Amino acid sequence: MDKVFRLQDVYLASFLALQGLPFSFERKDNKILFCFESSEKLYTCLQLFNEGTTVNLSEFISKTKELRAKMYEAKVKG
């Protein structure tokens, strides 16, 4: 069983990162994926996201900008 949860959604990745979950990037077919280790905390955070749990807006925007910049870097370095 794969112990890595991969996703492309920068907004979900931002939410998860704000919850303190570490991640890495993976390149697949000219796309950048966010990779989070599967854990109970990850699934709890996914549930919180799906329930519409709110976060600090300015922190969320900053984290999203940061992740977009890192995605671009990872894509360019290819």
PDB file of N, CA and C in Angstrom:
ATOM      1  N   MET A   1       0.833  -1.187   0.000  1.00  0.00           N
ATOM      2  CA  MET A   1       0.000   0.000   0.000  1.00  0.00           C
ATOM      3  C   MET A   1       0.878   1.251   0.000  1.00  0.00           C
ATOM      4  N   ASP A   2       0.519   2.207  -0.835  1.00  0.00           N
ATOM      5  CA  ASP A   2       1.264   3.450  -0.955  1.00  0.00           C
ATOM      6  C   ASP A   2       1.062   4.290   0.308  1.00  0.00           C
ATOM      7  N   LYS A   3       2.145   4.748   0.892  1.00  0.00           N
ATOM      8  CA  LYS A   3       2.040   5.529   2.125  1.00  0.00           C
ATOM      9  C   LYS A   3       2.173   7.023   1.856  1.00  0.00           C
ATOM     10  N   VAL A   4       2.017   7.411   0.587  1.00  0.00           N
ATOM     11  CA  VAL A   4       2.113   8.812   0.216  1.00  0.00           C
ATOM     12  C   VAL A   4       0.807   9.236  -0.438  1.00  0.00           C
ATOM     13  N   PHE A   5       0.269  10.342   0.024  1.00  0.00           N
ATOM     14  CA  PHE A   5      -0.953  10.922  -0.523  1.00  0.00           C
ATOM     15  C   PHE A   5      -0.523  12.033  -1.475  1.00  0.00           C
ATOM     16  N   ARG A   6      -0.809  11.881  -2.762  1.00  0.00           N
ATOM     17  CA  ARG A   6      -0.396  12.841  -3.776  1.00  0.00           C
ATOM     18  C   ARG A   6      -1.603  13.649  -4.247  1.00  0.00           C
ATOM     19  N   LEU A   7      -1.384  14.943  -4.471  1.00  0.00           N
ATOM     20  CA  LEU A   7      -2.461  15.781  -4.971  1.00  0.00           C
ATOM     21  C   LEU A   7      -1.896  16.946  -5.766  1.00  0.00           C
ATOM     22  N   GLN A   8      -2.728  17.527  -6.622  1.00  0.00           N
ATOM     23  CA  GLN A   8      -2.354  18.679  -7.420  1.00  0.00           C
ATOM     24  C   GLN A   8      -2.970  19.971  -6.884  1.00  0.00           C
ATOM     25  N   ASP A   9      -3.965  19.888  -6.081  1.00  0.00           N
ATOM     26  CA  ASP A   9      -4.735  21.037  -5.611  1.00  0.00           C
ATOM     27  C   ASP A   9      -3.906  21.908  -4.661  1.00  0.00           C
ATOM     28  N   VAL A  10      -3.491  23.071  -5.148  1.00  0.00           N
ATOM     29  CA  VAL A  10      -2.649  23.956  -4.347  1.00  0.00           C
ATOM     30  C   VAL A  10      -3.399  24.487  -3.126  1.00  0.00           C
ATOM     31  N   TYR A  11      -4.711  24.637  -3.224  1.00  0.00           N
ATOM     32  CA  TYR A  11      -5.478  25.149  -2.088  1.00  0.00           C
ATOM     33  C   TYR A  11      -5.571  24.117  -0.968  1.00  0.00           C
ATOM     34  N   LEU A  12      -5.809  22.882  -1.327  1.00  0.00           N
ATOM     35  CA  LEU A  12      -5.827  21.820  -0.325  1.00  0.00           C
ATOM     36  C   LEU A  12      -4.432  21.640   0.270  1.00  0.00           C
ATOM     37  N   ALA A  13      -3.410  21.690  -0.577  1.00  0.00           N
ATOM     38  CA  ALA A  13      -2.036  21.571  -0.084  1.00  0.00           C
ATOM     39  C   ALA A  13      -1.708  22.711   0.881  1.00  0.00           C
ATOM     40  N   SER A  14      -2.171  23.903   0.578  1.00  0.00           N
ATOM     41  CA  SER A  14      -1.954  25.047   1.466  1.00  0.00           C
ATOM     42  C   SER A  14      -2.621  24.817   2.814  1.00  0.00           C
ATOM     43  N   PHE A  15      -3.850  24.339   2.780  1.00  0.00           N
ATOM     44  CA  PHE A  15      -4.569  24.049   4.020  1.00  0.00           C
ATOM     45  C   PHE A  15      -3.807  23.011   4.845  1.00  0.00           C
ATOM     46  N   LEU A  16      -3.381  21.940   4.199  1.00  0.00           N
ATOM     47  CA  LEU A  16      -2.666  20.877   4.910  1.00  0.00           C
ATOM     48  C   LEU A  16      -1.339  21.384   5.472  1.00  0.00           C
ATOM     49  N   ALA A  17      -0.639  22.203   4.695  1.00  0.00           N
ATOM     50  CA  ALA A  17       0.629  22.753   5.169  1.00  0.00           C
ATOM     51  C   ALA A  17       0.401  23.671   6.372  1.00  0.00           C
ATOM     52  N   LEU A  18      -0.673  24.437   6.347  1.00  0.00           N
ATOM     53  CA  LEU A  18      -0.988  25.298   7.489  1.00  0.00           C
ATOM     54  C   LEU A  18      -1.324  24.495   8.741  1.00  0.00           C
ATOM     55  N   GLN A  19      -1.735  23.253   8.559  1.00  0.00           N
ATOM     56  CA  GLN A  19      -2.019  22.378   9.696  1.00  0.00           C
ATOM     57  C   GLN A  19      -0.745  21.732  10.238  1.00  0.00           C
ATOM     58  N   GLY A  20       0.383  22.058   9.620  1.00  0.00           N
ATOM     59  CA  GLY A  20       1.673  21.558  10.102  1.00  0.00           C
ATOM     60  C   GLY A  20       2.113  20.243   9.479  1.00  0.00           C
ATOM     61  N   LEU A  21       1.457  19.828   8.411  1.00  0.00           N
ATOM     62  CA  LEU A  21       1.844  18.576   7.769  1.00  0.00           C
ATOM     63  C   LEU A  21       3.004  18.808   6.797  1.00  0.00           C
ATOM     64  N   PRO A  22       4.089  18.088   6.963  1.00  0.00           N
ATOM     65  CA  PRO A  22       5.217  18.235   6.046  1.00  0.00           C
ATOM     66  C   PRO A  22       4.888  17.605   4.689  1.00  0.00           C
ATOM     67  N   PHE A  23       5.515  18.120   3.652  1.00  0.00           N
ATOM     68  CA  PHE A  23       5.258  17.605   2.308  1.00  0.00           C
ATOM     69  C   PHE A  23       6.506  17.746   1.453  1.00  0.00           C
ATOM     70  N   SER A  24       6.452  17.097   0.325  1.00  0.00           N
ATOM     71  CA  SER A  24       7.505  17.235  -0.675  1.00  0.00           C
ATOM     72  C   SER A  24       6.822  17.369  -2.031  1.00  0.00           C
ATOM     73  N   PHE A  25       7.624  17.587  -3.057  1.00  0.00           N
ATOM     74  CA  PHE A  25       7.098  17.694  -4.412  1.00  0.00           C
ATOM     75  C   PHE A  25       7.522  16.479  -5.216  1.00  0.00           C
ATOM     76  N   GLU A  26       6.717  16.147  -6.190  1.00  0.00           N
ATOM     77  CA  GLU A  26       7.042  15.082  -7.125  1.00  0.00           C
ATOM     78  C   GLU A  26       6.621  15.553  -8.507  1.00  0.00           C
ATOM     79  N   ARG A  27       7.459  15.329  -9.470  1.00  0.00           N
ATOM     80  CA  ARG A  27       7.145  15.718 -10.840  1.00  0.00           C
ATOM     81  C   ARG A  27       6.611  14.494 -11.580  1.00  0.00           C
ATOM     82  N   LYS A  28       5.483  14.680 -12.273  1.00  0.00           N
ATOM     83  CA  LYS A  28       4.904  13.589 -13.044  1.00  0.00           C
ATOM     84  C   LYS A  28       4.259  14.165 -14.291  1.00  0.00           C
ATOM     85  N   ASP A  29       4.767  13.774 -15.448  1.00  0.00           N
ATOM     86  CA  ASP A  29       4.212  14.224 -16.724  1.00  0.00           C
ATOM     87  C   ASP A  29       4.039  15.734 -16.792  1.00  0.00           C
ATOM     88  N   ASN A  30       5.101  16.467 -16.520  1.00  0.00           N
ATOM     89  CA  ASN A  30       5.093  17.923 -16.587  1.00  0.00           C
ATOM     90  C   ASN A  30       4.149  18.577 -15.578  1.00  0.00           C
ATOM     91  N   LYS A  31       3.752  17.838 -14.562  1.00  0.00           N
ATOM     92  CA  LYS A  31       2.920  18.379 -13.481  1.00  0.00           C
ATOM     93  C   LYS A  31       3.665  18.203 -12.176  1.00  0.00           C
ATOM     94  N   ILE A  32       3.398  19.092 -11.254  1.00  0.00           N
ATOM     95  CA  ILE A  32       3.995  19.013  -9.928  1.00  0.00           C
ATOM     96  C   ILE A  32       2.920  18.532  -8.952  1.00  0.00           C
ATOM     97  N   LEU A  33       3.254  17.492  -8.209  1.00  0.00           N
ATOM     98  CA  LEU A  33       2.335  16.943  -7.218  1.00  0.00           C
ATOM     99  C   LEU A  33       2.857  17.255  -5.820  1.00  0.00           C
ATOM    100  N   PHE A  34       1.937  17.526  -4.915  1.00  0.00           N
ATOM    101  CA  PHE A  34       2.271  17.674  -3.510  1.00  0.00           C
ATOM    102  C   PHE A  34       2.164  16.291  -2.894  1.00  0.00           C
ATOM    103  N   CYS A  35       3.159  15.899  -2.126  1.00  0.00           N
ATOM    104  CA  CYS A  35       3.186  14.564  -1.535  1.00  0.00           C
ATOM    105  C   CYS A  35       3.205  14.677  -0.009  1.00  0.00           C
ATOM    106  N   PHE A  36       2.164  14.151   0.590  1.00  0.00           N
ATOM    107  CA  PHE A  36       2.039  14.135   2.049  1.00  0.00           C
ATOM    108  C   PHE A  36       2.072  12.685   2.514  1.00  0.00           C
ATOM    109  N   GLU A  37       2.740  12.439   3.615  1.00  0.00           N
ATOM    110  CA  GLU A  37       2.776  11.097   4.180  1.00  0.00           C
ATOM    111  C   GLU A  37       1.392  10.746   4.722  1.00  0.00           C
ATOM    112  N   SER A  38       0.920   9.568   4.354  1.00  0.00           N
ATOM    113  CA  SER A  38      -0.379   9.118   4.867  1.00  0.00           C
ATOM    114  C   SER A  38      -0.280   8.911   6.376  1.00  0.00           C
ATOM    115  N   SER A  39      -1.229   9.505   7.084  1.00  0.00           N
ATOM    116  CA  SER A  39      -1.255   9.373   8.540  1.00  0.00           C
ATOM    117  C   SER A  39      -2.663   9.681   9.021  1.00  0.00           C
ATOM    118  N   GLU A  40      -2.898   9.379  10.261  1.00  0.00           N
ATOM    119  CA  GLU A  40      -4.205   9.687  10.856  1.00  0.00           C
ATOM    120  C   GLU A  40      -4.442  11.192  10.853  1.00  0.00           C
ATOM    121  N   LYS A  41      -3.382  11.964  11.143  1.00  0.00           N
ATOM    122  CA  LYS A  41      -3.520  13.422  11.145  1.00  0.00           C
ATOM    123  C   LYS A  41      -3.890  13.937   9.753  1.00  0.00           C
ATOM    124  N   LEU A  42      -3.293  13.360   8.709  1.00  0.00           N
ATOM    125  CA  LEU A  42      -3.627  13.771   7.341  1.00  0.00           C
ATOM    126  C   LEU A  42      -5.115  13.581   7.082  1.00  0.00           C
ATOM    127  N   TYR A  43      -5.646  12.427   7.420  1.00  0.00           N
ATOM    128  CA  TYR A  43      -7.058  12.146   7.146  1.00  0.00           C
ATOM    129  C   TYR A  43      -7.988  13.000   8.007  1.00  0.00           C
ATOM    130  N   THR A  44      -7.554  13.320   9.205  1.00  0.00           N
ATOM    131  CA  THR A  44      -8.328  14.238  10.040  1.00  0.00           C
ATOM    132  C   THR A  44      -8.356  15.627   9.395  1.00  0.00           C
ATOM    133  N   CYS A  45      -7.212  16.078   8.895  1.00  0.00           N
ATOM    134  CA  CYS A  45      -7.138  17.387   8.244  1.00  0.00           C
ATOM    135  C   CYS A  45      -7.938  17.418   6.941  1.00  0.00           C
ATOM    136  N   LEU A  46      -7.927  16.328   6.194  1.00  0.00           N
ATOM    137  CA  LEU A  46      -8.741  16.253   4.973  1.00  0.00           C
ATOM    138  C   LEU A  46     -10.225  16.395   5.316  1.00  0.00           C
ATOM    139  N   GLN A  47     -10.626  15.758   6.389  1.00  0.00           N
ATOM    140  CA  GLN A  47     -12.020  15.859   6.826  1.00  0.00           C
ATOM    141  C   GLN A  47     -12.346  17.299   7.223  1.00  0.00           C
ATOM    142  N   LEU A  48     -11.436  17.944   7.951  1.00  0.00           N
ATOM    143  CA  LEU A  48     -11.642  19.342   8.338  1.00  0.00           C
ATOM    144  C   LEU A  48     -11.786  20.235   7.106  1.00  0.00           C
ATOM    145  N   PHE A  49     -10.948  20.010   6.108  1.00  0.00           N
ATOM    146  CA  PHE A  49     -11.015  20.783   4.865  1.00  0.00           C
ATOM    147  C   PHE A  49     -12.372  20.591   4.189  1.00  0.00           C
ATOM    148  N   ASN A  50     -12.798  19.349   4.094  1.00  0.00           N
ATOM    149  CA  ASN A  50     -14.073  19.045   3.432  1.00  0.00           C
ATOM    150  C   ASN A  50     -15.272  19.577   4.202  1.00  0.00           C
ATOM    151  N   GLU A  51     -15.117  19.744   5.505  1.00  0.00           N
ATOM    152  CA  GLU A  51     -16.193  20.297   6.331  1.00  0.00           C
ATOM    153  C   GLU A  51     -16.222  21.820   6.284  1.00  0.00           C
ATOM    154  N   GLY A  52     -15.212  22.418   5.653  1.00  0.00           N
ATOM    155  CA  GLY A  52     -15.188  23.871   5.534  1.00  0.00           C
ATOM    156  C   GLY A  52     -14.584  24.588   6.722  1.00  0.00           C
ATOM    157  N   THR A  53     -13.713  23.905   7.438  1.00  0.00           N
ATOM    158  CA  THR A  53     -13.041  24.533   8.573  1.00  0.00           C
ATOM    159  C   THR A  53     -12.293  25.780   8.097  1.00  0.00           C
ATOM    160  N   THR A  54     -12.442  26.858   8.826  1.00  0.00           N
ATOM    161  CA  THR A  54     -11.814  28.104   8.409  1.00  0.00           C
ATOM    162  C   THR A  54     -10.389  28.221   8.949  1.00  0.00           C
ATOM    163  N   VAL A  55      -9.594  28.985   8.225  1.00  0.00           N
ATOM    164  CA  VAL A  55      -8.228  29.290   8.627  1.00  0.00           C
ATOM    165  C   VAL A  55      -8.030  30.795   8.472  1.00  0.00           C
ATOM    166  N   ASN A  56      -6.951  31.298   9.016  1.00  0.00           N
ATOM    167  CA  ASN A  56      -6.627  32.709   8.884  1.00  0.00           C
ATOM    168  C   ASN A  56      -6.396  33.015   7.398  1.00  0.00           C
ATOM    169  N   LEU A  57      -7.151  33.949   6.865  1.00  0.00           N
ATOM    170  CA  LEU A  57      -7.113  34.242   5.433  1.00  0.00           C
ATOM    171  C   LEU A  57      -5.743  34.722   4.973  1.00  0.00           C
ATOM    172  N   SER A  58      -5.127  35.626   5.695  1.00  0.00           N
ATOM    173  CA  SER A  58      -3.831  36.142   5.244  1.00  0.00           C
ATOM    174  C   SER A  58      -2.761  35.048   5.278  1.00  0.00           C
ATOM    175  N   GLU A  59      -2.815  34.175   6.274  1.00  0.00           N
ATOM    176  CA  GLU A  59      -1.869  33.046   6.322  1.00  0.00           C
ATOM    177  C   GLU A  59      -2.110  32.098   5.153  1.00  0.00           C
ATOM    178  N   PHE A  60      -3.376  31.862   4.842  1.00  0.00           N
ATOM    179  CA  PHE A  60      -3.721  30.965   3.737  1.00  0.00           C
ATOM    180  C   PHE A  60      -3.232  31.536   2.404  1.00  0.00           C
ATOM    181  N   ILE A  61      -3.447  32.813   2.189  1.00  0.00           N
ATOM    182  CA  ILE A  61      -3.004  33.457   0.948  1.00  0.00           C
ATOM    183  C   ILE A  61      -1.479  33.407   0.848  1.00  0.00           C
ATOM    184  N   SER A  62      -0.794  33.715   1.933  1.00  0.00           N
ATOM    185  CA  SER A  62       0.672  33.681   1.940  1.00  0.00           C
ATOM    186  C   SER A  62       1.193  32.282   1.639  1.00  0.00           C
ATOM    187  N   LYS A  63       0.586  31.278   2.278  1.00  0.00           N
ATOM    188  CA  LYS A  63       1.025  29.892   2.062  1.00  0.00           C
ATOM    189  C   LYS A  63       0.767  29.468   0.622  1.00  0.00           C
ATOM    190  N   THR A  64      -0.371  29.867   0.055  1.00  0.00           N
ATOM    191  CA  THR A  64      -0.691  29.512  -1.330  1.00  0.00           C
ATOM    192  C   THR A  64       0.319  30.148  -2.282  1.00  0.00           C
ATOM    193  N   LYS A  65       0.669  31.411  -2.061  1.00  0.00           N
ATOM    194  CA  LYS A  65       1.669  32.086  -2.895  1.00  0.00           C
ATOM    195  C   LYS A  65       3.018  31.388  -2.774  1.00  0.00           C
ATOM    196  N   GLU A  66       3.364  31.017  -1.550  1.00  0.00           N
ATOM    197  CA  GLU A  66       4.634  30.321  -1.316  1.00  0.00           C
ATOM    198  C   GLU A  66       4.667  28.986  -2.065  1.00  0.00           C
ATOM    199  N   LEU A  67       3.584  28.227  -1.991  1.00  0.00           N
ATOM    200  CA  LEU A  67       3.546  26.930  -2.658  1.00  0.00           C
ATOM    201  C   LEU A  67       3.561  27.079  -4.178  1.00  0.00           C
ATOM    202  N   ARG A  68       2.857  28.071  -4.699  1.00  0.00           N
ATOM    203  CA  ARG A  68       2.888  28.315  -6.147  1.00  0.00           C
ATOM    204  C   ARG A  68       4.308  28.638  -6.619  1.00  0.00           C
ATOM    205  N   ALA A  69       5.027  29.443  -5.849  1.00  0.00           N
ATOM    206  CA  ALA A  69       6.408  29.777  -6.203  1.00  0.00           C
ATOM    207  C   ALA A  69       7.285  28.530  -6.178  1.00  0.00           C
ATOM    208  N   LYS A  70       7.107  27.694  -5.169  1.00  0.00           N
ATOM    209  CA  LYS A  70       7.890  26.461  -5.078  1.00  0.00           C
ATOM    210  C   LYS A  70       7.530  25.485  -6.204  1.00  0.00           C
ATOM    211  N   MET A  71       6.255  25.445  -6.567  1.00  0.00           N
ATOM    212  CA  MET A  71       5.834  24.610  -7.694  1.00  0.00           C
ATOM    213  C   MET A  71       6.541  25.059  -8.974  1.00  0.00           C
ATOM    214  N   TYR A  72       6.552  26.366  -9.181  1.00  0.00           N
ATOM    215  CA  TYR A  72       7.201  26.917 -10.375  1.00  0.00           C
ATOM    216  C   TYR A  72       8.677  26.555 -10.390  1.00  0.00           C
ATOM    217  N   GLU A  73       9.344  26.726  -9.249  1.00  0.00           N
ATOM    218  CA  GLU A  73      10.763  26.374  -9.143  1.00  0.00           C
ATOM    219  C   GLU A  73      10.996  24.902  -9.485  1.00  0.00           C
ATOM    220  N   ALA A  74      10.169  24.048  -8.920  1.00  0.00           N
ATOM    221  CA  ALA A  74      10.307  22.612  -9.159  1.00  0.00           C
ATOM    222  C   ALA A  74      10.069  22.273 -10.620  1.00  0.00           C
ATOM    223  N   LYS A  75       9.154  22.973 -11.251  1.00  0.00           N
ATOM    224  CA  LYS A  75       8.840  22.718 -12.658  1.00  0.00           C
ATOM    225  C   LYS A  75       9.975  23.188 -13.551  1.00  0.00           C
ATOM    226  N   VAL A  76      10.552  24.345 -13.229  1.00  0.00           N
ATOM    227  CA  VAL A  76      11.635  24.905 -14.028  1.00  0.00           C
ATOM    228  C   VAL A  76      12.899  24.055 -13.896  1.00  0.00           C
ATOM    229  N   LYS A  77      13.181  23.591 -12.680  1.00  0.00           N
ATOM    230  CA  LYS A  77      14.381  22.779 -12.456  1.00  0.00           C
ATOM    231  C   LYS A  77      14.264  21.426 -13.151  1.00  0.00           C
ATOM    232  N   GLY A  78      13.004  20.978 -13.287  1.00  0.00           N
ATOM    233  CA  GLY A  78      12.664  19.765 -13.996  1.00  0.00           C
ATOM    234  C   GLY A  78      13.639  18.693 -13.834  1.00  0.00           C
TER     235      GLY A  78
END
